[in-house]
N, C-alpha and C. Protein backbone atom coordinates (compact mmCIF):
# COMPACT_ATOMS: atom_id res chain seq x y z
N MET A 1 -13.12 25.91 -3.13
CA MET A 1 -11.86 25.27 -3.66
C MET A 1 -12.63 23.97 -4.26
N GLY A 2 -13.68 24.18 -3.16
CA GLY A 2 -15.12 22.81 -3.96
C GLY A 2 -14.54 21.48 -3.31
N TYR A 3 -15.39 20.71 -3.92
CA TYR A 3 -15.54 18.89 -2.98
C TYR A 3 -14.77 18.86 -4.40
N ARG A 4 -14.01 17.06 -3.82
CA ARG A 4 -12.92 16.82 -4.95
C ARG A 4 -14.30 15.08 -4.33
N SER A 5 -13.88 14.22 -5.79
CA SER A 5 -14.64 13.17 -5.44
C SER A 5 -13.33 12.10 -6.25
N GLU A 6 -13.44 10.67 -5.70
CA GLU A 6 -13.23 9.80 -6.22
C GLU A 6 -13.89 8.80 -7.50
N VAL A 7 -13.61 9.43 -8.79
CA VAL A 7 -14.48 8.30 -9.53
C VAL A 7 -14.00 7.30 -10.40
N ALA A 8 -14.93 6.11 -10.85
CA ALA A 8 -14.50 4.97 -11.50
C ALA A 8 -15.59 5.00 -12.64
N TYR A 9 -15.49 4.23 -13.45
CA TYR A 9 -16.33 3.85 -14.05
C TYR A 9 -16.15 2.82 -15.29
N LYS A 10 -16.54 1.47 -15.67
CA LYS A 10 -15.73 0.06 -16.50
C LYS A 10 -16.77 0.32 -17.42
N ILE A 11 -16.31 -0.30 -18.84
CA ILE A 11 -17.42 -0.34 -19.75
C ILE A 11 -16.84 -1.96 -20.54
N ARG A 12 -17.45 -2.64 -20.52
CA ARG A 12 -16.83 -3.87 -20.92
C ARG A 12 -17.67 -4.51 -21.92
N MET A 13 -17.41 -4.65 -23.09
CA MET A 13 -18.34 -5.13 -24.10
C MET A 13 -18.40 -6.97 -24.38
N ASN A 14 -19.60 -6.77 -23.89
CA ASN A 14 -20.05 -8.67 -24.38
C ASN A 14 -20.06 -9.37 -25.53
N ARG A 15 -19.84 -10.43 -25.97
CA ARG A 15 -19.66 -11.54 -27.14
C ARG A 15 -21.04 -11.73 -27.57
N ASN A 16 -20.96 -11.71 -28.42
CA ASN A 16 -22.69 -11.99 -29.68
C ASN A 16 -22.09 -13.88 -29.11
N ASP A 17 -22.81 -14.47 -28.35
CA ASP A 17 -22.65 -16.16 -28.16
C ASP A 17 -23.91 -16.43 -28.96
N LEU A 18 -24.57 -15.31 -28.94
CA LEU A 18 -25.58 -16.61 -29.88
C LEU A 18 -25.75 -16.44 -31.48
N ALA A 19 -24.93 -15.36 -32.01
CA ALA A 19 -24.64 -15.58 -33.24
C ALA A 19 -23.27 -16.54 -33.71
N ASN A 20 -22.86 -16.89 -32.34
CA ASN A 20 -21.42 -17.53 -33.35
C ASN A 20 -20.18 -16.60 -32.98
N GLU A 21 -20.00 -15.46 -32.73
CA GLU A 21 -19.08 -14.38 -33.12
C GLU A 21 -17.68 -14.84 -32.93
N THR A 22 -17.04 -14.43 -33.93
CA THR A 22 -15.83 -14.85 -33.58
C THR A 22 -14.85 -13.52 -33.40
N ASP A 23 -13.75 -14.22 -32.43
CA ASP A 23 -12.82 -13.01 -32.36
C ASP A 23 -12.59 -11.52 -32.76
N GLU A 24 -12.34 -11.52 -34.45
CA GLU A 24 -12.13 -10.73 -35.35
C GLU A 24 -13.94 -9.74 -35.37
N GLU A 25 -14.43 -10.49 -34.93
CA GLU A 25 -15.79 -9.51 -35.19
C GLU A 25 -15.83 -8.69 -33.87
N TYR A 26 -15.77 -9.96 -32.73
CA TYR A 26 -15.84 -9.00 -31.65
C TYR A 26 -15.35 -7.42 -31.49
N LYS A 27 -14.08 -8.09 -31.93
CA LYS A 27 -13.09 -7.06 -31.54
C LYS A 27 -13.62 -5.61 -32.80
N ALA A 28 -13.74 -5.52 -33.82
CA ALA A 28 -14.38 -4.90 -34.86
C ALA A 28 -15.80 -4.40 -34.81
N LYS A 29 -16.49 -5.42 -34.10
CA LYS A 29 -17.24 -4.68 -33.17
C LYS A 29 -17.03 -2.86 -32.31
N PHE A 30 -15.75 -3.30 -31.07
CA PHE A 30 -15.73 -2.59 -30.25
C PHE A 30 -14.50 -0.94 -30.55
N LYS A 31 -14.00 -1.75 -32.09
CA LYS A 31 -13.69 -0.29 -33.26
C LYS A 31 -14.53 0.41 -33.13
N GLN A 32 -15.42 -0.24 -34.01
CA GLN A 32 -16.56 0.26 -34.60
C GLN A 32 -17.56 1.25 -33.12
N PHE A 33 -17.55 0.82 -32.31
CA PHE A 33 -17.67 1.34 -30.97
C PHE A 33 -17.20 2.93 -30.53
N MET A 34 -15.44 2.78 -30.84
CA MET A 34 -14.56 3.27 -30.36
C MET A 34 -14.46 4.55 -31.64
N MET A 35 -14.91 4.46 -33.03
CA MET A 35 -14.65 5.23 -33.64
C MET A 35 -15.86 6.52 -33.74
N GLU A 36 -16.99 5.34 -33.58
CA GLU A 36 -17.96 6.30 -33.10
C GLU A 36 -17.87 7.92 -32.23
N LEU A 37 -17.25 6.86 -31.25
CA LEU A 37 -16.80 8.08 -29.47
C LEU A 37 -16.06 9.22 -30.38
N LYS A 38 -14.49 9.01 -31.00
CA LYS A 38 -13.74 9.50 -31.65
C LYS A 38 -14.81 10.83 -32.41
N ALA A 39 -15.94 10.11 -33.15
CA ALA A 39 -16.15 10.66 -34.17
C ALA A 39 -17.60 12.15 -33.38
N ASN A 40 -17.82 12.29 -32.26
CA ASN A 40 -18.53 12.76 -31.53
C ASN A 40 -17.67 13.99 -30.61
N PRO A 41 -17.65 15.43 -30.67
CA PRO A 41 -17.00 15.97 -30.10
C PRO A 41 -16.83 16.23 -28.88
N GLU A 42 -18.28 15.79 -28.14
CA GLU A 42 -18.21 15.67 -26.48
C GLU A 42 -17.28 14.29 -26.15
N THR A 43 -17.71 13.58 -27.03
CA THR A 43 -16.56 12.02 -26.05
C THR A 43 -15.40 12.29 -27.12
N GLU A 44 -14.70 12.69 -27.87
CA GLU A 44 -13.74 13.14 -28.56
C GLU A 44 -12.94 13.59 -27.50
N ARG A 45 -13.30 14.72 -26.75
CA ARG A 45 -12.54 16.05 -25.72
C ARG A 45 -11.94 14.68 -24.51
N ALA A 46 -13.11 13.87 -24.18
CA ALA A 46 -12.53 13.25 -22.77
C ALA A 46 -11.87 11.74 -23.52
N LEU A 47 -12.01 11.36 -24.59
CA LEU A 47 -11.15 10.31 -24.76
C LEU A 47 -9.45 11.07 -24.94
N ARG A 48 -9.61 12.17 -24.82
CA ARG A 48 -8.03 12.65 -24.63
C ARG A 48 -7.25 12.91 -23.40
N ASP A 49 -8.15 12.37 -22.57
CA ASP A 49 -7.66 12.63 -21.19
C ASP A 49 -6.72 10.93 -21.31
N TYR A 50 -7.41 10.49 -22.05
CA TYR A 50 -6.69 8.52 -22.02
C TYR A 50 -5.11 8.93 -22.43
N GLU A 51 -4.56 10.15 -22.85
CA GLU A 51 -3.83 10.17 -23.60
C GLU A 51 -2.64 11.89 -23.01
N ASP A 52 -3.98 11.88 -22.16
CA ASP A 52 -3.20 13.43 -21.73
C ASP A 52 -1.76 13.28 -20.43
N GLU A 53 -0.92 12.83 -20.76
CA GLU A 53 0.14 12.78 -19.73
C GLU A 53 -0.09 13.07 -18.32
N GLU A 54 -0.49 14.40 -17.85
CA GLU A 54 -0.39 15.09 -17.16
C GLU A 54 -1.63 14.72 -16.47
N TYR A 55 -2.94 14.56 -17.05
CA TYR A 55 -3.80 13.79 -16.32
C TYR A 55 -4.00 12.57 -15.87
N LEU A 56 -2.86 11.52 -16.52
CA LEU A 56 -2.61 10.20 -16.62
C LEU A 56 -1.93 10.40 -15.16
N LYS A 57 -1.01 11.29 -14.76
CA LYS A 57 0.19 11.07 -13.96
C LYS A 57 -0.72 10.91 -12.51
N TYR A 58 -1.80 11.33 -12.59
CA TYR A 58 -2.80 11.13 -11.08
C TYR A 58 -4.36 9.89 -10.98
N ALA A 59 -3.59 9.83 -12.34
CA ALA A 59 -5.34 8.65 -12.38
C ALA A 59 -4.76 7.59 -11.42
N VAL A 60 -5.66 6.83 -10.40
CA VAL A 60 -5.26 5.76 -10.18
C VAL A 60 -4.96 3.98 -11.25
N LYS A 61 -6.19 3.89 -12.33
CA LYS A 61 -5.65 3.61 -13.34
C LYS A 61 -7.12 3.67 -14.93
N MET A 62 -6.26 3.98 -15.97
CA MET A 62 -7.10 4.30 -16.95
C MET A 62 -6.12 3.78 -17.82
N GLY A 63 -7.56 3.00 -19.08
CA GLY A 63 -6.65 2.73 -20.55
C GLY A 63 -7.85 2.13 -21.31
N ILE A 64 -7.51 2.02 -22.24
CA ILE A 64 -8.88 1.66 -23.37
C ILE A 64 -8.11 0.02 -23.76
N ASP A 65 -8.78 -1.15 -23.71
CA ASP A 65 -8.49 -2.40 -24.30
C ASP A 65 -7.97 -2.77 -25.35
N TYR A 66 -7.83 -2.73 -26.11
CA TYR A 66 -8.89 -3.38 -27.44
C TYR A 66 -8.47 -4.79 -27.75
N ASP A 67 -7.39 -5.29 -26.65
CA ASP A 67 -8.00 -6.92 -26.87
C ASP A 67 -9.12 -7.33 -26.00
N ASN A 68 -9.22 -6.72 -24.96
CA ASN A 68 -10.47 -7.31 -24.21
C ASN A 68 -11.96 -6.68 -24.25
N CYS A 69 -11.87 -5.09 -25.29
CA CYS A 69 -12.56 -5.09 -25.49
C CYS A 69 -13.25 -4.33 -24.42
N GLU A 70 -12.70 -3.08 -23.75
CA GLU A 70 -12.89 -2.52 -22.69
C GLU A 70 -12.30 -1.41 -22.05
N ILE A 71 -13.27 -0.06 -21.43
CA ILE A 71 -12.90 0.89 -21.11
C ILE A 71 -12.58 0.92 -19.21
N SER A 72 -11.35 1.41 -18.85
CA SER A 72 -11.36 1.97 -17.36
C SER A 72 -10.93 2.87 -17.08
N TYR A 73 -11.65 3.54 -16.61
CA TYR A 73 -11.35 4.82 -15.78
C TYR A 73 -11.80 4.98 -14.37
N HIS A 74 -9.82 5.21 -13.81
CA HIS A 74 -10.15 5.61 -12.18
C HIS A 74 -9.27 7.01 -11.65
N HIS A 75 -10.17 7.42 -11.18
CA HIS A 75 -8.94 8.89 -10.87
C HIS A 75 -9.83 9.36 -9.86
N GLU A 76 -8.70 9.73 -8.78
CA GLU A 76 -9.08 10.66 -7.44
C GLU A 76 -8.69 11.80 -7.22
N GLY A 77 -9.38 12.50 -6.65
CA GLY A 77 -9.20 13.81 -6.60
C GLY A 77 -9.81 15.10 -7.54
N LEU A 78 -10.89 14.83 -8.27
CA LEU A 78 -11.21 15.40 -9.08
C LEU A 78 -12.46 16.09 -8.38
N LYS A 79 -12.54 17.40 -9.00
CA LYS A 79 -14.16 18.17 -9.10
C LYS A 79 -14.98 18.09 -9.97
N TRP A 80 -16.05 16.67 -9.74
CA TRP A 80 -16.30 15.65 -10.67
C TRP A 80 -18.41 15.84 -10.59
N TYR A 81 -18.59 17.95 -11.32
CA TYR A 81 -19.47 18.15 -11.10
C TYR A 81 -20.17 17.91 -12.35
N PRO A 82 -21.92 17.92 -12.34
CA PRO A 82 -22.57 17.50 -14.10
C PRO A 82 -22.24 18.73 -15.31
N GLU A 83 -22.02 19.69 -14.70
CA GLU A 83 -22.05 20.64 -15.67
C GLU A 83 -20.75 21.14 -16.06
N TYR A 84 -19.84 19.66 -16.05
CA TYR A 84 -18.12 20.66 -16.11
C TYR A 84 -18.51 19.45 -17.66
N GLU A 85 -17.75 20.06 -18.54
CA GLU A 85 -17.81 19.61 -20.03
C GLU A 85 -17.25 18.30 -19.87
N GLY A 86 -15.66 18.16 -18.90
CA GLY A 86 -14.98 17.64 -19.02
C GLY A 86 -15.76 16.07 -18.50
N VAL A 87 -16.23 16.40 -17.71
CA VAL A 87 -17.46 15.32 -16.91
C VAL A 87 -18.94 15.14 -17.56
N LYS A 88 -19.20 16.12 -18.42
CA LYS A 88 -20.06 15.43 -19.55
C LYS A 88 -19.55 14.93 -20.41
N GLY A 89 -18.51 15.07 -20.99
CA GLY A 89 -17.92 13.93 -22.15
C GLY A 89 -18.01 12.36 -21.59
N HIS A 90 -17.09 12.61 -20.06
CA HIS A 90 -16.97 11.14 -19.85
C HIS A 90 -18.62 10.56 -19.40
N HIS A 91 -19.51 10.95 -18.83
CA HIS A 91 -20.99 10.52 -18.98
C HIS A 91 -20.99 9.90 -20.39
N ALA A 92 -21.28 10.73 -21.26
CA ALA A 92 -21.50 10.70 -22.64
C ALA A 92 -20.96 9.31 -23.37
N ILE A 93 -19.82 8.69 -22.84
CA ILE A 93 -19.14 7.81 -23.46
C ILE A 93 -19.70 6.25 -22.53
N MET A 94 -19.70 6.69 -21.42
CA MET A 94 -21.13 5.79 -20.80
C MET A 94 -22.33 5.38 -21.68
N ASP A 95 -22.84 6.79 -21.88
CA ASP A 95 -24.31 6.88 -22.42
C ASP A 95 -24.22 6.66 -23.43
N HIS A 96 -23.30 6.31 -24.32
CA HIS A 96 -23.33 5.70 -25.79
C HIS A 96 -23.07 4.54 -25.72
N ALA A 97 -22.40 3.91 -24.81
CA ALA A 97 -22.31 2.54 -24.66
C ALA A 97 -23.71 2.18 -23.72
N ILE A 98 -24.31 2.12 -23.38
CA ILE A 98 -25.47 2.03 -23.07
C ILE A 98 -26.48 2.27 -24.28
N SER A 99 -26.33 2.90 -24.82
CA SER A 99 -27.05 3.06 -26.18
C SER A 99 -27.59 1.93 -26.83
N TRP A 100 -26.12 1.32 -26.99
CA TRP A 100 -25.72 -0.43 -27.39
C TRP A 100 -26.56 -1.30 -26.97
N ASN A 101 -27.12 -0.94 -26.15
CA ASN A 101 -28.15 -1.96 -24.95
C ASN A 101 -29.41 -1.97 -25.49
N ASN A 102 -29.75 -0.95 -26.36
CA ASN A 102 -30.90 -0.74 -26.02
C ASN A 102 -31.79 -1.92 -27.74
N ASP A 103 -30.26 -2.71 -27.90
CA ASP A 103 -31.47 -3.31 -29.46
C ASP A 103 -31.79 -4.73 -28.14
N GLU A 104 -33.30 -4.79 -28.96
CA GLU A 104 -34.23 -6.43 -28.26
C GLU A 104 -33.20 -7.39 -28.50
N TRP A 105 -32.56 -8.01 -29.47
CA TRP A 105 -31.79 -9.04 -29.31
C TRP A 105 -30.39 -9.14 -28.36
N GLU A 106 -29.73 -8.34 -28.18
CA GLU A 106 -28.43 -8.54 -27.48
C GLU A 106 -28.05 -7.34 -26.42
N GLU A 107 -27.90 -7.30 -25.51
CA GLU A 107 -26.80 -6.26 -24.74
C GLU A 107 -25.57 -6.10 -25.09
N ARG A 108 -25.00 -5.22 -25.47
CA ARG A 108 -23.62 -4.80 -26.08
C ARG A 108 -22.49 -5.35 -24.96
N PHE A 109 -22.77 -4.19 -23.94
CA PHE A 109 -22.41 -3.55 -23.06
C PHE A 109 -22.63 -3.53 -21.72
N ASP A 110 -21.84 -4.26 -20.63
CA ASP A 110 -21.32 -3.44 -19.27
C ASP A 110 -21.17 -2.52 -18.93
N VAL A 111 -21.41 -1.65 -18.12
CA VAL A 111 -21.15 -0.58 -17.71
C VAL A 111 -21.33 -0.17 -16.02
N ALA A 112 -20.08 0.12 -15.59
CA ALA A 112 -20.72 0.80 -14.02
C ALA A 112 -20.18 1.70 -13.51
N TYR A 113 -20.59 2.69 -13.22
CA TYR A 113 -20.00 3.89 -12.50
C TYR A 113 -20.06 4.28 -11.39
N ALA A 114 -19.23 4.58 -10.74
CA ALA A 114 -18.98 5.16 -9.25
C ALA A 114 -18.29 6.04 -8.91
N ARG A 115 -18.96 6.94 -7.51
CA ARG A 115 -18.45 8.20 -7.30
C ARG A 115 -18.30 8.26 -5.78
N ALA A 116 -17.73 8.59 -5.47
CA ALA A 116 -17.22 8.62 -3.88
C ALA A 116 -17.17 10.43 -3.56
N GLY A 117 -17.52 11.23 -3.04
CA GLY A 117 -17.13 12.51 -2.49
C GLY A 117 -16.85 12.42 -1.21
N GLU A 118 -16.74 13.90 -1.01
CA GLU A 118 -15.59 13.65 0.57
C GLU A 118 -16.17 13.26 1.50
N GLU A 119 -17.64 13.45 1.71
CA GLU A 119 -18.65 13.15 2.39
C GLU A 119 -18.89 11.64 3.29
N SER A 120 -19.44 11.43 3.97
CA SER A 120 -19.64 9.81 4.16
C SER A 120 -21.30 9.31 3.06
N ASP A 121 -22.23 10.40 3.33
CA ASP A 121 -22.99 10.44 2.17
C ASP A 121 -23.34 10.29 0.85
N ASP A 122 -21.92 10.75 0.15
CA ASP A 122 -21.85 11.22 -1.00
C ASP A 122 -21.50 10.36 -1.64
N VAL A 123 -22.29 9.37 -2.24
CA VAL A 123 -21.65 8.51 -2.91
C VAL A 123 -23.14 7.72 -3.86
N GLU A 124 -22.14 7.61 -5.51
CA GLU A 124 -23.32 7.34 -6.73
C GLU A 124 -22.98 5.54 -7.06
N GLN A 125 -23.46 4.76 -7.13
CA GLN A 125 -23.67 3.89 -7.93
C GLN A 125 -24.16 3.50 -8.70
N GLU A 126 -24.00 3.39 -10.00
CA GLU A 126 -24.62 2.68 -10.73
C GLU A 126 -24.27 1.61 -12.50
N TYR A 127 -25.59 0.53 -12.49
CA TYR A 127 -25.10 -0.38 -13.05
C TYR A 127 -26.21 -0.78 -14.25
N TRP A 128 -25.73 -1.06 -15.51
CA TRP A 128 -26.23 -1.40 -16.66
C TRP A 128 -25.16 -2.20 -17.63
N GLY A 129 -26.34 -3.04 -18.14
CA GLY A 129 -26.01 -4.33 -18.70
C GLY A 129 -26.84 -5.31 -18.09
N PRO A 130 -26.15 -6.14 -18.75
CA PRO A 130 -26.66 -8.23 -18.26
C PRO A 130 -25.87 -8.31 -17.20
N ASP A 131 -24.86 -7.93 -16.84
CA ASP A 131 -23.88 -8.55 -15.90
C ASP A 131 -22.27 -7.56 -15.39
N PRO A 132 -23.11 -6.18 -15.02
CA PRO A 132 -21.82 -5.07 -14.79
C PRO A 132 -21.18 -5.58 -12.96
N TYR A 133 -22.11 -6.10 -12.55
CA TYR A 133 -21.74 -5.85 -10.90
C TYR A 133 -20.17 -6.28 -10.41
N GLY A 134 -19.56 -6.99 -11.06
CA GLY A 134 -18.45 -7.41 -11.05
C GLY A 134 -17.40 -6.67 -11.25
N LEU A 135 -18.07 -5.39 -12.24
CA LEU A 135 -16.76 -4.38 -12.47
C LEU A 135 -15.90 -3.52 -11.53
N LEU A 136 -17.23 -3.03 -10.95
CA LEU A 136 -16.44 -1.99 -9.50
C LEU A 136 -17.37 -1.93 -8.74
N GLY A 137 -16.97 -1.21 -7.59
CA GLY A 137 -17.89 -1.01 -6.93
C GLY A 137 -17.42 -0.17 -5.73
N ILE A 138 -18.01 0.54 -4.60
CA ILE A 138 -17.11 1.29 -3.04
C ILE A 138 -16.84 0.28 -1.78
N THR A 139 -15.81 0.24 -1.56
CA THR A 139 -16.00 -0.45 -0.08
C THR A 139 -16.09 1.20 1.13
N VAL A 140 -16.19 0.83 2.35
CA VAL A 140 -16.39 1.56 3.05
C VAL A 140 -14.89 0.62 4.26
N SER A 141 -14.20 1.93 4.43
CA SER A 141 -13.04 0.98 5.57
C SER A 141 -13.22 2.00 6.60
N ILE A 142 -12.54 1.57 7.87
CA ILE A 142 -12.39 2.30 9.23
C ILE A 142 -11.34 2.33 9.91
N TRP A 143 -10.70 2.94 10.03
CA TRP A 143 -9.13 3.73 10.72
C TRP A 143 -9.25 4.03 12.25
N THR A 144 -8.15 3.42 12.50
CA THR A 144 -7.65 3.68 14.09
C THR A 144 -6.37 4.44 13.86
N GLU A 145 -6.63 5.43 14.96
CA GLU A 145 -5.19 5.70 15.43
C GLU A 145 -3.99 5.07 15.64
């Protein structure tokens, strides 16, 4: 059976305020980023999850928002093992966004990732970019009978 996890990541493109970037230029950069993802077989496979009706049926929230230049992924009950091809593809999407931040002049993307497994200590959270901390997080709750 294996362990199941709740997994979320969010990627948001930042505006280049120093260059007085217009809305059109900002959205064109995001489209360029998406075209790069679609051209890579590993990330293209993961992007298909965003269109798969069966996969989406069980998602909490998934979407690609071209107007706000962001990608949202939130799914429950997944077997999220690093060696799985689908998981590699979703991590490659995040890695590609992070690679755009390696420019000395600007950091293009905020990226946040969280995974909560079945055990209370099986939790991962990672953040990249200038201001990713408000994108997602993990909360712990207590319930009683």
